[in-house]
């Protein structure tokens, strides 16, 4: 298991909150923003109740070889496809594009399954929300001091 210091969790939280999150529909990349509603996603999937975005790249934001990331991403995609959840290609990136990682937008993936997949692929942060609600960041860590009641963040430990 990877151990993170509170300072590193705070640093990564700040980066995740500032990151760009996008998903693909009809050949166009559309925005998802932490703390805001996502009406385009919800309109594209009118019968859906909840939404999630997750990646298998760079566990705990520690860079690793692209070949390993691609293999893990293929495994995550296989698991999503086998589960019969509807999904779309997505990505997360720094606003300056200093890092970018493929992700998956998954429709009606229960939070418990999202958290299990996030842990399986070593993801400190995932994104989730219920229809009509603001997009939230889920952090698989304890909150660092001063971050306990951070808006739009769910702490899992």
Foldseek 3Di string as FASTA:
>chain_A
DDDDDLVLLVVVVVQQQQKWKWWDDPRDTDTAHQPAADVVVCVVPVVFWKKKKDALACASVHHDDPVVRVVRRVVVVVVLVVVVWDKTKMKIAGPVRPDIGIMIMTTNDDPVNVVVSCVVSRHQWMWMDTPPGGIAIEGAAQHRPPCNCPPRYHYPD
